[in-house]
C-alpha atoms as a PDB file:
ATOM      1  CA  MET A   1     108.942 169.829  89.944  1.00  0.00           C
ATOM      2  CA  ASN A   2     107.906 168.641  86.780  1.00  0.00           C
ATOM      3  CA  ILE A   3     107.019 164.691  87.539  1.00  0.00           C
ATOM      4  CA  GLN A   4     103.191 164.720  87.047  1.00  0.00           C
ATOM      5  CA  ILE A   5     101.821 162.492  89.693  1.00  0.00           C
ATOM      6  CA  PRO A   6      98.487 160.234  88.816  1.00  0.00           C
ATOM      7  CA  ASP A   7      95.224 162.121  89.424  1.00  0.00           C
ATOM      8  CA  HIS A   8      94.277 159.139  91.662  1.00  0.00           C
ATOM      9  CA  ILE A   9      97.380 159.565  93.863  1.00  0.00           C
ATOM     10  CA  SER A  10      96.803 163.373  94.433  1.00  0.00           C
ATOM     11  CA  ALA A  11      93.387 163.240  95.312  1.00  0.00           C
ATOM     12  CA  ILE A  12      94.103 160.833  98.477  1.00  0.00           C
ATOM     13  CA  LYS A  13      94.900 162.878 101.439  1.00  0.00           C
ATOM     14  CA  LYS A  14      98.089 162.089 103.212  1.00  0.00           C
ATOM     15  CA  TYR A  15      97.942 160.317 106.724  1.00  0.00           C
ATOM     16  CA  GLN A  16      98.145 163.051 109.610  1.00  0.00           C
ATOM     17  CA  PRO A  17      99.283 161.567 112.795  1.00  0.00           C
ATOM     18  CA  GLY A  18      98.723 162.682 115.571  1.00  0.00           C
ATOM     19  CA  LYS A  19     101.034 163.909 118.869  1.00  0.00           C
ATOM     20  CA  THR A  20     102.790 160.784 120.061  1.00  0.00           C
ATOM     21  CA  ILE A  21     102.177 159.242 124.045  1.00  0.00           C
ATOM     22  CA  PRO A  22     105.241 160.474 125.256  1.00  0.00           C
ATOM     23  CA  GLN A  23     104.679 164.210 123.842  1.00  0.00           C
ATOM     24  CA  LEU A  24     101.072 164.266 125.157  1.00  0.00           C
ATOM     25  CA  GLN A  25     102.448 163.505 128.673  1.00  0.00           C
ATOM     26  CA  GLU A  26     104.879 165.687 128.792  1.00  0.00           C
ATOM     27  CA  GLU A  27     102.197 168.498 127.372  1.00  0.00           C
ATOM     28  CA  PHE A  28      99.368 167.205 129.943  1.00  0.00           C
ATOM     29  CA  GLY A  29     101.216 165.583 132.940  1.00  0.00           C
ATOM     30  CA  TRP A  30      98.600 162.982 133.305  1.00  0.00           C
ATOM     31  CA  ALA A  31      98.436 161.315 136.877  1.00  0.00           C
ATOM     32  CA  LYS A  32      97.056 158.274 134.989  1.00  0.00           C
ATOM     33  CA  VAL A  33      96.410 156.912 130.848  1.00  0.00           C
ATOM     34  CA  ALA A  34      93.557 155.219 129.458  1.00  0.00           C
ATOM     35  CA  ILE A  35      94.609 154.604 125.792  1.00  0.00           C
ATOM     36  CA  LEU A  36      91.312 153.341 123.885  1.00  0.00           C
ATOM     37  CA  TRP A  37      91.314 154.653 120.590  1.00  0.00           C
ATOM     38  CA  ASN A  38      92.697 151.902 117.819  1.00  0.00           C
ATOM     39  CA  ASN A  39      90.878 148.937 119.379  1.00  0.00           C
ATOM     40  CA  GLU A  40      94.109 147.177 120.630  1.00  0.00           C
ATOM     41  CA  ASN A  41      94.660 144.530 123.023  1.00  0.00           C
ATOM     42  CA  THR A  42      95.634 146.404 126.482  1.00  0.00           C
ATOM     43  CA  LEU A  43      96.020 143.334 128.260  1.00  0.00           C
ATOM     44  CA  GLY A  44      99.313 143.335 126.353  1.00  0.00           C
ATOM     45  CA  TYR A  45      99.823 139.874 124.572  1.00  0.00           C
ATOM     46  CA  SER A  46     101.128 136.479 124.941  1.00  0.00           C
ATOM     47  CA  SER A  47     103.940 135.039 126.302  1.00  0.00           C
ATOM     48  CA  LYS A  48     104.164 132.545 124.583  1.00  0.00           C
ATOM     49  CA  SER A  49     104.604 134.558 120.663  1.00  0.00           C
ATOM     50  CA  LYS A  50     107.219 136.244 122.498  1.00  0.00           C
ATOM     51  CA  GLU A  51     108.779 133.801 123.258  1.00  0.00           C
ATOM     52  CA  ALA A  52     108.567 132.110 119.696  1.00  0.00           C
ATOM     53  CA  VAL A  53     110.001 135.689 118.498  1.00  0.00           C
ATOM     54  CA  LEU A  54     112.920 135.746 120.640  1.00  0.00           C
ATOM     55  CA  LYS A  55     113.909 132.905 119.348  1.00  0.00           C
ATOM     56  CA  ALA A  56     113.238 133.622 115.548  1.00  0.00           C
ATOM     57  CA  TYR A  57     115.298 136.587 116.396  1.00  0.00           C
ATOM     58  CA  GLU A  58     118.623 134.474 116.502  1.00  0.00           C
ATOM     59  CA  GLN A  59     118.243 133.693 112.381  1.00  0.00           C
ATOM     60  CA  ILE A  60     117.194 137.139 111.742  1.00  0.00           C
ATOM     61  CA  ASN A  61     120.047 137.591 109.233  1.00  0.00           C
ATOM     62  CA  TYR A  62     118.079 135.021 107.211  1.00  0.00           C
ATOM     63  CA  TYR A  63     115.203 136.223 105.323  1.00  0.00           C
ATOM     64  CA  PRO A  64     111.808 134.568 106.083  1.00  0.00           C
ATOM     65  CA  ASP A  65     109.917 131.874 104.067  1.00  0.00           C
ATOM     66  CA  PRO A  66     108.341 133.479 101.794  1.00  0.00           C
ATOM     67  CA  ILE A  67     104.733 131.298 101.800  1.00  0.00           C
ATOM     68  CA  SER A  68     104.585 131.116 105.665  1.00  0.00           C
ATOM     69  CA  ILE A  69     104.215 127.484 105.612  1.00  0.00           C
ATOM     70  CA  ASP A  70     104.357 126.409 109.073  1.00  0.00           C
ATOM     71  CA  LEU A  71     102.094 129.472 110.066  1.00  0.00           C
ATOM     72  CA  ARG A  72      99.866 128.377 107.337  1.00  0.00           C
ATOM     73  CA  GLU A  73      99.846 124.549 108.226  1.00  0.00           C
ATOM     74  CA  LYS A  74      98.975 125.551 112.052  1.00  0.00           C
ATOM     75  CA  LEU A  75      96.209 127.810 110.977  1.00  0.00           C
ATOM     76  CA  ALA A  76      94.862 125.253 108.388  1.00  0.00           C
ATOM     77  CA  LYS A  77      94.449 122.752 111.235  1.00  0.00           C
ATOM     78  CA  LYS A  78      92.981 125.292 113.407  1.00  0.00           C
ATOM     79  CA  LEU A  79      90.580 126.496 110.843  1.00  0.00           C
ATOM     80  CA  GLY A  80      89.527 122.959 109.119  1.00  0.00           C
ATOM     81  CA  ARG A  81      90.797 124.371 105.767  1.00  0.00           C
ATOM     82  CA  PRO A  82      93.114 123.431 103.285  1.00  0.00           C
ATOM     83  CA  LYS A  83      97.131 125.370 103.884  1.00  0.00           C
ATOM     84  CA  ASP A  84      96.138 125.679  99.830  1.00  0.00           C
ATOM     85  CA  GLN A  85      93.530 128.262 100.966  1.00  0.00           C
ATOM     86  CA  ILE A  86      94.995 130.803 103.295  1.00  0.00           C
ATOM     87  CA  ILE A  87      97.397 133.757 102.420  1.00  0.00           C
ATOM     88  CA  LEU A  88      99.616 135.706 105.170  1.00  0.00           C
ATOM     89  CA  GLY A  89      99.916 139.580 104.798  1.00  0.00           C
ATOM     90  CA  ASN A  90     101.256 142.388 107.108  1.00  0.00           C
ATOM     91  CA  GLY A  91      98.122 143.156 108.596  1.00  0.00           C
ATOM     92  CA  SER A  92      94.677 142.143 107.265  1.00  0.00           C
ATOM     93  CA  GLU A  93      94.500 145.449 105.493  1.00  0.00           C
ATOM     94  CA  SER A  94      97.753 144.241 103.311  1.00  0.00           C
ATOM     95  CA  VAL A  95      95.525 141.172 102.623  1.00  0.00           C
ATOM     96  CA  LEU A  96      92.349 143.329 101.404  1.00  0.00           C
ATOM     97  CA  MET A  97      94.978 145.052  99.248  1.00  0.00           C
ATOM     98  CA  LEU A  98      96.599 141.945  97.603  1.00  0.00           C
ATOM     99  CA  ALA A  99      92.899 141.505  96.768  1.00  0.00           C
ATOM    100  CA  ILE A 100      92.006 144.931  94.894  1.00  0.00           C
ATOM    101  CA  ARG A 101      95.317 144.123  93.232  1.00  0.00           C
ATOM    102  CA  ALA A 102      95.144 140.947  91.721  1.00  0.00           C
ATOM    103  CA  LEU A 103      91.246 140.775  90.935  1.00  0.00           C
ATOM    104  CA  CYS A 104      90.681 144.508  89.647  1.00  0.00           C
ATOM    105  CA  SER A 105      91.183 146.468  86.926  1.00  0.00           C
ATOM    106  CA  GLY A 106      89.824 148.571  84.130  1.00  0.00           C
ATOM    107  CA  ASP A 107      86.384 149.842  85.188  1.00  0.00           C
ATOM    108  CA  ASP A 108      86.017 146.907  87.627  1.00  0.00           C
ATOM    109  CA  GLU A 109      84.257 148.740  90.772  1.00  0.00           C
ATOM    110  CA  PHE A 110      84.836 148.235  94.580  1.00  0.00           C
ATOM    111  CA  LEU A 111      81.529 148.082  96.399  1.00  0.00           C
ATOM    112  CA  THR A 112      80.642 148.577 100.232  1.00  0.00           C
ATOM    113  CA  SER A 113      78.957 150.646 102.526  1.00  0.00           C
ATOM    114  CA  GLY A 114      79.947 154.282 104.150  1.00  0.00           C
ATOM    115  CA  GLY A 115      80.737 154.543 107.470  1.00  0.00           C
ATOM    116  CA  SER A 116      82.938 151.506 107.613  1.00  0.00           C
ATOM    117  CA  PHE A 117      87.037 150.482 107.896  1.00  0.00           C
ATOM    118  CA  VAL A 118      88.424 154.233 106.920  1.00  0.00           C
ATOM    119  CA  ILE A 119      91.166 152.392 104.993  1.00  0.00           C
ATOM    120  CA  ILE A 120      88.935 150.281 102.229  1.00  0.00           C
ATOM    121  CA  TYR A 121      88.729 153.607 100.708  1.00  0.00           C
ATOM    122  CA  ASN A 122      91.894 154.695 100.134  1.00  0.00           C
ATOM    123  CA  TRP A 123      93.315 151.102  98.976  1.00  0.00           C
ATOM    124  CA  ALA A 124      90.838 151.459  96.618  1.00  0.00           C
ATOM    125  CA  ARG A 125      91.563 154.430  95.262  1.00  0.00           C
ATOM    126  CA  ILE A 126      95.615 153.657  95.182  1.00  0.00           C
ATOM    127  CA  ASN A 127      94.665 151.245  92.890  1.00  0.00           C
ATOM    128  CA  ASN A 128      92.758 153.033  90.982  1.00  0.00           C
ATOM    129  CA  VAL A 129      89.549 151.314  91.777  1.00  0.00           C
ATOM    130  CA  ARG A 130      86.173 153.087  91.157  1.00  0.00           C
ATOM    131  CA  CYS A 131      84.760 152.712  94.916  1.00  0.00           C
ATOM    132  CA  VAL A 132      81.129 153.082  95.302  1.00  0.00           C
ATOM    133  CA  SER A 133      79.922 153.316  98.517  1.00  0.00           C
ATOM    134  CA  MET A 134      76.303 153.019 100.066  1.00  0.00           C
ATOM    135  CA  PRO A 135      74.562 154.697 103.506  1.00  0.00           C
ATOM    136  CA  LEU A 136      74.376 153.156 106.457  1.00  0.00           C
ATOM    137  CA  THR A 137      70.948 152.547 107.816  1.00  0.00           C
ATOM    138  CA  GLU A 138      69.806 154.307 110.203  1.00  0.00           C
ATOM    139  CA  SER A 139      70.682 151.883 113.370  1.00  0.00           C
ATOM    140  CA  TYR A 140      74.507 152.646 112.154  1.00  0.00           C
ATOM    141  CA  GLY A 141      74.788 149.068 110.258  1.00  0.00           C
ATOM    142  CA  PHE A 142      75.312 147.690 106.607  1.00  0.00           C
ATOM    143  CA  ASP A 143      72.441 148.574 104.234  1.00  0.00           C
ATOM    144  CA  LEU A 144      72.698 144.827 102.492  1.00  0.00           C
ATOM    145  CA  ASP A 145      69.568 145.607 100.564  1.00  0.00           C
ATOM    146  CA  ALA A 146      71.113 148.867  99.412  1.00  0.00           C
ATOM    147  CA  ILE A 147      74.685 147.275  98.212  1.00  0.00           C
ATOM    148  CA  LYS A 148      72.502 144.492  96.191  1.00  0.00           C
ATOM    149  CA  SER A 149      70.494 146.748  94.098  1.00  0.00           C
ATOM    150  CA  ARG A 150      73.786 148.609  93.015  1.00  0.00           C
ATOM    151  CA  ILE A 151      75.832 145.811  91.928  1.00  0.00           C
ATOM    152  CA  ASN A 152      75.755 145.903  87.702  1.00  0.00           C
ATOM    153  CA  ARG A 153      78.454 144.875  85.010  1.00  0.00           C
ATOM    154  CA  ASN A 154      81.315 146.648  86.450  1.00  0.00           C
ATOM    155  CA  THR A 155      81.121 145.366  90.629  1.00  0.00           C
ATOM    156  CA  LYS A 156      83.777 143.379  91.155  1.00  0.00           C
ATOM    157  CA  ILE A 157      84.212 142.859  94.734  1.00  0.00           C
ATOM    158  CA  ILE A 158      81.803 143.681  97.332  1.00  0.00           C
ATOM    159  CA  TYR A 159      83.740 144.655 101.101  1.00  0.00           C
ATOM    160  CA  LEU A 160      81.260 143.716 104.411  1.00  0.00           C
ATOM    161  CA  ALA A 161      83.257 144.410 107.854  1.00  0.00           C
ATOM    162  CA  ASN A 162      81.475 142.263 110.116  1.00  0.00           C
ATOM    163  CA  VAL A 163      81.332 143.543 112.705  1.00  0.00           C
ATOM    164  CA  ASN A 164      81.921 147.230 111.522  1.00  0.00           C
ATOM    165  CA  ASN A 165      84.747 149.180 112.376  1.00  0.00           C
ATOM    166  CA  PRO A 166      83.890 151.790 113.692  1.00  0.00           C
ATOM    167  CA  THR A 167      80.007 151.295 114.303  1.00  0.00           C
ATOM    168  CA  GLY A 168      80.406 147.665 116.647  1.00  0.00           C
ATOM    169  CA  THR A 169      77.332 146.600 114.310  1.00  0.00           C
ATOM    170  CA  MET A 170      77.328 142.588 112.683  1.00  0.00           C
ATOM    171  CA  ILE A 171      75.752 141.041 109.769  1.00  0.00           C
ATOM    172  CA  SER A 172      73.418 138.109 111.686  1.00  0.00           C
ATOM    173  CA  LYS A 173      74.033 134.041 109.854  1.00  0.00           C
ATOM    174  CA  ALA A 174      70.679 134.407 108.277  1.00  0.00           C
ATOM    175  CA  GLU A 175      71.196 137.928 106.374  1.00  0.00           C
ATOM    176  CA  LEU A 176      74.777 137.368 105.227  1.00  0.00           C
ATOM    177  CA  GLU A 177      73.411 133.498 104.043  1.00  0.00           C
ATOM    178  CA  ASP A 178      70.690 135.913 102.100  1.00  0.00           C
ATOM    179  CA  PHE A 179      73.425 138.172 100.853  1.00  0.00           C
ATOM    180  CA  MET A 180      75.831 135.222  99.518  1.00  0.00           C
ATOM    181  CA  GLN A 181      72.434 133.350  97.907  1.00  0.00           C
ATOM    182  CA  ASN A 182      71.587 136.789  95.445  1.00  0.00           C
ATOM    183  CA  VAL A 183      75.244 137.918  94.475  1.00  0.00           C
ATOM    184  CA  PRO A 184      76.503 136.280  91.352  1.00  0.00           C
ATOM    185  CA  ASP A 185      79.073 133.862  91.899  1.00  0.00           C
ATOM    186  CA  HIS A 186      81.676 136.144  89.646  1.00  0.00           C
ATOM    187  CA  ILE A 187      81.622 138.470  92.036  1.00  0.00           C
ATOM    188  CA  LEU A 188      83.948 138.315  94.701  1.00  0.00           C
ATOM    189  CA  VAL A 189      82.397 139.048  98.513  1.00  0.00           C
ATOM    190  CA  ILE A 190      84.995 140.243 100.991  1.00  0.00           C
ATOM    191  CA  VAL A 191      83.679 139.436 104.722  1.00  0.00           C
ATOM    192  CA  ASP A 192      86.068 141.441 106.940  1.00  0.00           C
ATOM    193  CA  GLU A 193      85.453 139.598 110.676  1.00  0.00           C
ATOM    194  CA  ALA A 194      89.134 141.139 112.541  1.00  0.00           C
ATOM    195  CA  TYR A 195      86.967 140.964 115.242  1.00  0.00           C
ATOM    196  CA  PHE A 196      85.775 137.578 115.269  1.00  0.00           C
ATOM    197  CA  GLU A 197      87.155 135.877 118.320  1.00  0.00           C
ATOM    198  CA  PHE A 198      84.980 139.142 120.388  1.00  0.00           C
ATOM    199  CA  SER A 199      82.522 138.798 118.170  1.00  0.00           C
ATOM    200  CA  HIS A 200      81.241 135.145 118.411  1.00  0.00           C
ATOM    201  CA  SER A 201      81.113 135.126 122.233  1.00  0.00           C
ATOM    202  CA  LEU A 202      78.920 138.277 121.794  1.00  0.00           C
ATOM    203  CA  HIS A 203      76.378 137.190 120.227  1.00  0.00           C
ATOM    204  CA  GLU A 204      74.971 133.294 119.215  1.00  0.00           C
ATOM    205  CA  ASP A 205      73.852 133.984 116.152  1.00  0.00           C
ATOM    206  CA  PHE A 206      77.045 135.742 115.155  1.00  0.00           C
ATOM    207  CA  PRO A 207      78.235 133.962 111.274  1.00  0.00           C
ATOM    208  CA  ASN A 208      81.501 132.182 111.030  1.00  0.00           C
ATOM    209  CA  SER A 209      81.920 132.675 107.148  1.00  0.00           C
ATOM    210  CA  LEU A 210      84.502 129.834 107.308  1.00  0.00           C
ATOM    211  CA  GLU A 211      81.467 127.159 107.497  1.00  0.00           C
ATOM    212  CA  MET A 212      80.050 128.814 104.153  1.00  0.00           C
ATOM    213  CA  ASP A 213      80.505 126.835 100.902  1.00  0.00           C
ATOM    214  CA  TYR A 214      80.949 130.210  98.782  1.00  0.00           C
ATOM    215  CA  ASP A 215      83.472 129.944  96.039  1.00  0.00           C
ATOM    216  CA  ASN A 216      83.462 134.132  95.549  1.00  0.00           C
ATOM    217  CA  LEU A 217      83.962 134.223  99.182  1.00  0.00           C
ATOM    218  CA  LEU A 218      86.685 135.376 100.698  1.00  0.00           C
ATOM    219  CA  THR A 219      87.339 136.048 104.741  1.00  0.00           C
ATOM    220  CA  LEU A 220      90.375 138.406 106.513  1.00  0.00           C
ATOM    221  CA  ARG A 221      91.135 137.991 109.843  1.00  0.00           C
ATOM    222  CA  THR A 222      94.017 139.554 111.969  1.00  0.00           C
ATOM    223  CA  PHE A 223      96.229 138.868 114.689  1.00  0.00           C
ATOM    224  CA  SER A 224      95.887 142.372 115.579  1.00  0.00           C
ATOM    225  CA  LYS A 225      93.111 142.472 117.910  1.00  0.00           C
ATOM    226  CA  ALA A 226      92.154 139.508 120.026  1.00  0.00           C
ATOM    227  CA  TYR A 227      95.767 137.698 119.873  1.00  0.00           C
ATOM    228  CA  GLY A 228      97.380 141.249 121.133  1.00  0.00           C
ATOM    229  CA  ILE A 229     100.442 141.699 118.586  1.00  0.00           C
ATOM    230  CA  ALA A 230      99.281 144.478 116.168  1.00  0.00           C
ATOM    231  CA  GLY A 231     102.965 146.180 116.725  1.00  0.00           C
ATOM    232  CA  VAL A 232     104.367 143.240 114.292  1.00  0.00           C
ATOM    233  CA  ARG A 233     101.204 143.229 111.715  1.00  0.00           C
ATOM    234  CA  LEU A 234     100.522 140.466 110.534  1.00  0.00           C
ATOM    235  CA  GLY A 235      96.570 139.223 109.196  1.00  0.00           C
ATOM    236  CA  PHE A 236      96.008 136.532 106.874  1.00  0.00           C
ATOM    237  CA  ALA A 237      92.904 135.298 104.411  1.00  0.00           C
ATOM    238  CA  VAL A 238      90.948 132.295 103.364  1.00  0.00           C
ATOM    239  CA  GLY A 239      89.243 131.666 100.118  1.00  0.00           C
ATOM    240  CA  HIS A 240      89.253 129.803  97.244  1.00  0.00           C
ATOM    241  CA  GLU A 241      92.476 128.300  95.359  1.00  0.00           C
ATOM    242  CA  LYS A 242      92.356 129.941  92.544  1.00  0.00           C
ATOM    243  CA  VAL A 243      92.020 133.187  93.962  1.00  0.00           C
ATOM    244  CA  ILE A 244      94.602 132.690  96.558  1.00  0.00           C
ATOM    245  CA  GLU A 245      96.779 131.985  93.791  1.00  0.00           C
ATOM    246  CA  SER A 246      96.067 135.100  92.352  1.00  0.00           C
ATOM    247  CA  MET A 247      96.070 137.445  95.673  1.00  0.00           C
ATOM    248  CA  SER A 248      99.994 135.654  95.898  1.00  0.00           C
ATOM    249  CA  LYS A 249     101.221 136.619  92.654  1.00  0.00           C
ATOM    250  CA  THR A 250     100.941 140.505  94.148  1.00  0.00           C
ATOM    251  CA  LYS A 251     102.220 139.969  97.664  1.00  0.00           C
ATOM    252  CA  LEU A 252     105.998 141.244  98.651  1.00  0.00           C
ATOM    253  CA  THR A 253     108.031 138.059  98.258  1.00  0.00           C
ATOM    254  CA  PHE A 254     109.266 138.061 101.985  1.00  0.00           C
ATOM    255  CA  GLU A 255     106.000 139.308 103.727  1.00  0.00           C
ATOM    256  CA  PRO A 256     104.957 138.514 106.518  1.00  0.00           C
ATOM    257  CA  THR A 257     108.411 138.863 108.352  1.00  0.00           C
ATOM    258  CA  ALA A 258     110.052 136.161 110.322  1.00  0.00           C
ATOM    259  CA  LEU A 259     109.423 137.459 113.596  1.00  0.00           C
ATOM    260  CA  ALA A 260     105.775 138.269 112.503  1.00  0.00           C
ATOM    261  CA  GLN A 261     105.334 134.574 111.510  1.00  0.00           C
ATOM    262  CA  ALA A 262     107.531 133.507 115.118  1.00  0.00           C
ATOM    263  CA  ALA A 263     104.361 135.829 116.919  1.00  0.00           C
ATOM    264  CA  GLY A 264     101.302 134.048 114.926  1.00  0.00           C
ATOM    265  CA  LEU A 265     102.898 130.906 115.777  1.00  0.00           C
ATOM    266  CA  GLY A 266     103.558 131.896 119.383  1.00  0.00           C
ATOM    267  CA  ALA A 267      99.771 132.879 119.959  1.00  0.00           C
ATOM    268  CA  LEU A 268      98.222 130.153 118.213  1.00  0.00           C
ATOM    269  CA  ASP A 269      99.564 127.970 121.150  1.00  0.00           C
ATOM    270  CA  ASP A 270      98.169 130.555 123.932  1.00  0.00           C
ATOM    271  CA  THR A 271      94.864 129.610 124.509  1.00  0.00           C
ATOM    272  CA  ASP A 272      94.891 130.969 128.095  1.00  0.00           C
ATOM    273  CA  PHE A 273      95.543 134.345 127.084  1.00  0.00           C
ATOM    274  CA  LEU A 274      92.962 134.292 124.527  1.00  0.00           C
ATOM    275  CA  SER A 275      90.650 133.224 126.990  1.00  0.00           C
ATOM    276  CA  LYS A 276      91.773 136.040 129.394  1.00  0.00           C
ATOM    277  CA  THR A 277      91.588 138.664 126.485  1.00  0.00           C
ATOM    278  CA  ILE A 278      87.671 137.933 125.528  1.00  0.00           C
ATOM    279  CA  GLU A 279      86.165 137.687 129.395  1.00  0.00           C
ATOM    280  CA  ASN A 280      87.762 140.942 129.317  1.00  0.00           C
ATOM    281  CA  ASN A 281      86.005 142.060 126.665  1.00  0.00           C
ATOM    282  CA  ILE A 282      82.744 140.637 127.738  1.00  0.00           C
ATOM    283  CA  GLU A 283      82.840 142.006 130.761  1.00  0.00           C
ATOM    284  CA  GLY A 284      84.232 145.950 129.569  1.00  0.00           C
ATOM    285  CA  LEU A 285      81.075 145.933 127.626  1.00  0.00           C
ATOM    286  CA  LYS A 286      79.141 145.081 130.011  1.00  0.00           C
ATOM    287  CA  TYR A 287      80.425 148.019 131.657  1.00  0.00           C
ATOM    288  CA  PHE A 288      79.983 150.037 129.450  1.00  0.00           C
ATOM    289  CA  THR A 289      76.077 149.697 128.815  1.00  0.00           C
ATOM    290  CA  SER A 290      75.856 149.960 132.079  1.00  0.00           C
ATOM    291  CA  GLU A 291      77.417 153.022 132.967  1.00  0.00           C
ATOM    292  CA  PHE A 292      77.099 155.117 129.930  1.00  0.00           C
ATOM    293  CA  SER A 293      72.949 154.514 130.120  1.00  0.00           C
ATOM    294  CA  ARG A 294      73.364 155.507 133.743  1.00  0.00           C
ATOM    295  CA  ILE A 295      75.355 159.176 133.132  1.00  0.00           C
ATOM    296  CA  GLY A 296      73.094 159.690 129.617  1.00  0.00           C
ATOM    297  CA  VAL A 297      75.485 158.505 126.800  1.00  0.00           C
ATOM    298  CA  GLN A 298      74.418 157.643 123.816  1.00  0.00           C
ATOM    299  CA  PHE A 299      75.933 154.708 122.005  1.00  0.00           C
ATOM    300  CA  VAL A 300      75.501 152.195 119.731  1.00  0.00           C
ATOM    301  CA  PRO A 301      75.013 147.962 121.224  1.00  0.00           C
ATOM    302  CA  SER A 302      78.927 146.964 119.894  1.00  0.00           C
ATOM    303  CA  PHE A 303      79.791 143.346 118.929  1.00  0.00           C
ATOM    304  CA  GLY A 304      83.629 143.837 118.726  1.00  0.00           C
ATOM    305  CA  ASN A 305      85.736 145.243 121.390  1.00  0.00           C
ATOM    306  CA  PHE A 306      84.698 148.702 121.100  1.00  0.00           C
ATOM    307  CA  ALA A 307      81.399 150.940 121.681  1.00  0.00           C
ATOM    308  CA  MET A 308      80.653 153.684 119.205  1.00  0.00           C
ATOM    309  CA  THR A 309      78.981 156.709 121.202  1.00  0.00           C
ATOM    310  CA  VAL A 310      77.032 159.579 119.590  1.00  0.00           C
ATOM    311  CA  TRP A 311      76.954 163.107 120.422  1.00  0.00           C
ATOM    312  CA  LYS A 312      75.057 166.165 119.321  1.00  0.00           C
ATOM    313  CA  ASP A 313      76.984 167.315 116.630  1.00  0.00           C
ATOM    314  CA  GLN A 314      81.113 167.839 115.627  1.00  0.00           C
ATOM    315  CA  ASN A 315      81.812 170.374 117.850  1.00  0.00           C
ATOM    316  CA  GLU A 316      80.385 168.626 120.964  1.00  0.00           C
ATOM    317  CA  VAL A 317      83.000 165.114 119.447  1.00  0.00           C
ATOM    318  CA  GLU A 318      85.613 167.963 119.795  1.00  0.00           C
ATOM    319  CA  ARG A 319      84.930 168.992 123.461  1.00  0.00           C
ATOM    320  CA  VAL A 320      84.695 165.560 124.842  1.00  0.00           C
ATOM    321  CA  PHE A 321      87.766 164.613 123.170  1.00  0.00           C
ATOM    322  CA  ASN A 322      89.987 167.930 124.267  1.00  0.00           C
ATOM    323  CA  ASP A 323      88.092 167.411 127.628  1.00  0.00           C
ATOM    324  CA  LEU A 324      89.230 163.367 127.704  1.00  0.00           C
ATOM    325  CA  MET A 325      92.447 163.952 126.628  1.00  0.00           C
ATOM    326  CA  LYS A 326      93.347 166.730 129.163  1.00  0.00           C
ATOM    327  CA  LYS A 327      92.664 163.607 131.622  1.00  0.00           C
ATOM    328  CA  GLY A 328      95.062 161.646 129.978  1.00  0.00           C
ATOM    329  CA  VAL A 329      91.313 159.369 128.445  1.00  0.00           C
ATOM    330  CA  LEU A 330      92.291 158.994 124.344  1.00  0.00           C
ATOM    331  CA  VAL A 331      89.322 158.070 122.232  1.00  0.00           C
ATOM    332  CA  ARG A 332      88.776 158.288 118.563  1.00  0.00           C
ATOM    333  CA  PRO A 333      86.705 161.152 116.987  1.00  0.00           C
ATOM    334  CA  LEU A 334      84.755 160.141 113.808  1.00  0.00           C
ATOM    335  CA  ALA A 335      84.903 162.014 110.379  1.00  0.00           C
ATOM    336  CA  GLY A 336      82.892 161.987 107.393  1.00  0.00           C
ATOM    337  CA  SER A 337      79.335 160.839 107.751  1.00  0.00           C
ATOM    338  CA  LEU A 338      79.956 159.642 111.544  1.00  0.00           C
ATOM    339  CA  GLU A 339      81.765 162.896 112.686  1.00  0.00           C
ATOM    340  CA  HIS A 340      79.045 163.362 115.455  1.00  0.00           C
ATOM    341  CA  CYS A 341      80.648 160.214 116.810  1.00  0.00           C
ATOM    342  CA  ILE A 342      83.390 158.639 118.823  1.00  0.00           C
ATOM    343  CA  ARG A 343      84.524 155.370 118.944  1.00  0.00           C
ATOM    344  CA  ILE A 344      85.898 153.851 122.317  1.00  0.00           C
ATOM    345  CA  SER A 345      87.891 150.202 123.064  1.00  0.00           C
ATOM    346  CA  VAL A 346      87.193 148.381 126.059  1.00  0.00           C
ATOM    347  CA  GLY A 347      90.758 148.796 127.847  1.00  0.00           C
ATOM    348  CA  ARG A 348      91.223 147.107 131.354  1.00  0.00           C
ATOM    349  CA  PRO A 349      88.506 147.203 134.009  1.00  0.00           C
ATOM    350  CA  GLU A 350      90.932 150.380 135.846  1.00  0.00           C
ATOM    351  CA  GLU A 351      90.965 151.917 132.193  1.00  0.00           C
ATOM    352  CA  ASN A 352      87.269 151.863 131.364  1.00  0.00           C
ATOM    353  CA  GLU A 353      86.624 153.027 134.803  1.00  0.00           C
ATOM    354  CA  HIS A 354      88.992 156.304 134.666  1.00  0.00           C
ATOM    355  CA  LEU A 355      87.005 156.973 131.111  1.00  0.00           C
ATOM    356  CA  VAL A 356      83.789 157.150 132.781  1.00  0.00           C
ATOM    357  CA  HIS A 357      84.928 158.618 136.081  1.00  0.00           C
ATOM    358  CA  SER A 358      85.767 161.521 133.283  1.00  0.00           C
ATOM    359  CA  LEU A 359      82.930 161.175 131.119  1.00  0.00           C
ATOM    360  CA  GLU A 360      80.698 161.648 133.917  1.00  0.00           C
ATOM    361  CA  ASN A 361      82.461 165.121 135.257  1.00  0.00           C
ATOM    362  CA  LEU A 362      82.756 166.789 131.957  1.00  0.00           C
END
């Protein structure tokens, strides 16, 4: 083929999906399974969300509302922000892509940390934006001082994950406030709060960036985690009207879908399901903390719905991962600077117990 692929696209590694759950079930013949590798809501989904989707399906022959007015108005009321400061997309990662597309060009740089949400580095490369990442601290957190010291005239966007996926570490309210006060106001700071519903229930000093008054602050949230509708892909961003308007120009016309919008509207109505999800996570993390300590598994204290365990090296990670898979426990080995670590999602009590028993028997 003679078509030239741009260098910034050729340099990206293609996503390599593993075997499906049914394929693995057939291969290993598991008696029980604990799916703990994608930080999903293992309690399932809201019945109100399902009812809203089924109702919306009656109109599936029509295109969805391109500006998601009903869902934006509902979010605006819940969050206490004008609807013109809210934009929705196919998951929070899609909304992040919109921000990079809308704001970056030429020599602009995307500044963040290593050891964070893996997709952010690819999103920068796909948009041909230079991504600069600073190392994590020794305790696996974002090094805000290092990030501030790397700001230069080309810095256009700074990305902070709070909590950070996959390490589970958090940035406190005071730390985030200090950081924002020291970042020039022409630089957009994106704070990814995908795990906010879990995090704010786990630490009294966890910040709500929506309560901070900065024009250059953009908050990302998602319905994929606590709300349990990862499969329909729905996320949103909240920020200054001018930033949101520019992002809307780069969005697919009919993003998100009609079913996703309906699922979000239903999910917001089901406070009981959300409460059960949060309580399950609190108890699950307590169980991990107690049992990992008991059996000698090193881990990083987490403020999300997962825990990062630390092992000797990559070889030990591969051995543990493969042995757990044979027992029907699916966890996430990490790569790059964290190749000695495994991320484990909080599951239902029986899944958490299956994990611990399997670890104990290795």
